[in-house]
Amino acid sequence: MTGHSQPIETLNTKPTREEFNEDFLYIKELYEKFH
């Protein structure tokens, strides 16, 4: 994702489905709040 700065070490790790869903819901909430 653009706008996300991550250390190189974490770029190649695959997040679990749960972590992805939590992040996605959080981003979706923010998006709906500001649009």
C-alpha atoms as a PDB file:
ATOM      1  CA  MET A   1       0.000   0.000   0.000  1.00  0.00           C
ATOM      2  CA  THR A   2       1.253   3.452  -0.781  1.00  0.00           C
ATOM      3  CA  GLY A   3       1.472   5.739   2.213  1.00  0.00           C
ATOM      4  CA  HIS A   4       2.619   2.908   4.455  1.00  0.00           C
ATOM      5  CA  SER A   5       6.257   3.014   5.458  1.00  0.00           C
ATOM      6  CA  GLN A   6       7.534  -0.317   6.702  1.00  0.00           C
ATOM      7  CA  PRO A   7      10.995  -1.569   7.530  1.00  0.00           C
ATOM      8  CA  ILE A   8      12.302  -3.931   4.867  1.00  0.00           C
ATOM      9  CA  GLU A   9      12.169  -6.907   7.244  1.00  0.00           C
ATOM     10  CA  THR A  10       8.389  -6.775   7.512  1.00  0.00           C
ATOM     11  CA  LEU A  11       7.691  -6.290   3.822  1.00  0.00           C
ATOM     12  CA  ASN A  12       8.077  -9.972   2.993  1.00  0.00           C
ATOM     13  CA  THR A  13       6.066 -11.359   5.905  1.00  0.00           C
ATOM     14  CA  LYS A  14       2.520 -12.375   5.077  1.00  0.00           C
ATOM     15  CA  PRO A  15      -0.025 -11.185   7.643  1.00  0.00           C
ATOM     16  CA  THR A  16      -2.629 -13.627   8.858  1.00  0.00           C
ATOM     17  CA  ARG A  17      -6.170 -13.377   7.537  1.00  0.00           C
ATOM     18  CA  GLU A  18      -7.346 -12.031  10.907  1.00  0.00           C
ATOM     19  CA  GLU A  19      -4.771  -9.259  10.928  1.00  0.00           C
ATOM     20  CA  PHE A  20      -5.632  -8.372   7.361  1.00  0.00           C
ATOM     21  CA  ASN A  21      -9.342  -8.204   8.173  1.00  0.00           C
ATOM     22  CA  GLU A  22      -8.723  -6.011  11.224  1.00  0.00           C
ATOM     23  CA  ASP A  23      -6.583  -3.623   9.212  1.00  0.00           C
ATOM     24  CA  PHE A  24      -9.086  -3.601   6.378  1.00  0.00           C
ATOM     25  CA  LEU A  25     -12.017  -2.843   8.664  1.00  0.00           C
ATOM     26  CA  TYR A  26     -10.044  -0.071  10.350  1.00  0.00           C
ATOM     27  CA  ILE A  27      -9.109   1.496   7.039  1.00  0.00           C
ATOM     28  CA  LYS A  28     -12.690   1.144   5.822  1.00  0.00           C
ATOM     29  CA  GLU A  29     -13.972   2.929   8.941  1.00  0.00           C
ATOM     30  CA  LEU A  30     -11.499   5.761   8.448  1.00  0.00           C
ATOM     31  CA  TYR A  31     -12.384   5.992   4.776  1.00  0.00           C
ATOM     32  CA  GLU A  32     -16.104   6.228   5.496  1.00  0.00           C
ATOM     33  CA  LYS A  33     -15.435   8.797   8.208  1.00  0.00           C
ATOM     34  CA  PHE A  34     -13.568  11.132   5.859  1.00  0.00           C
ATOM     35  CA  HIS A  35     -15.482  10.631   2.604  1.00  0.00           C
END
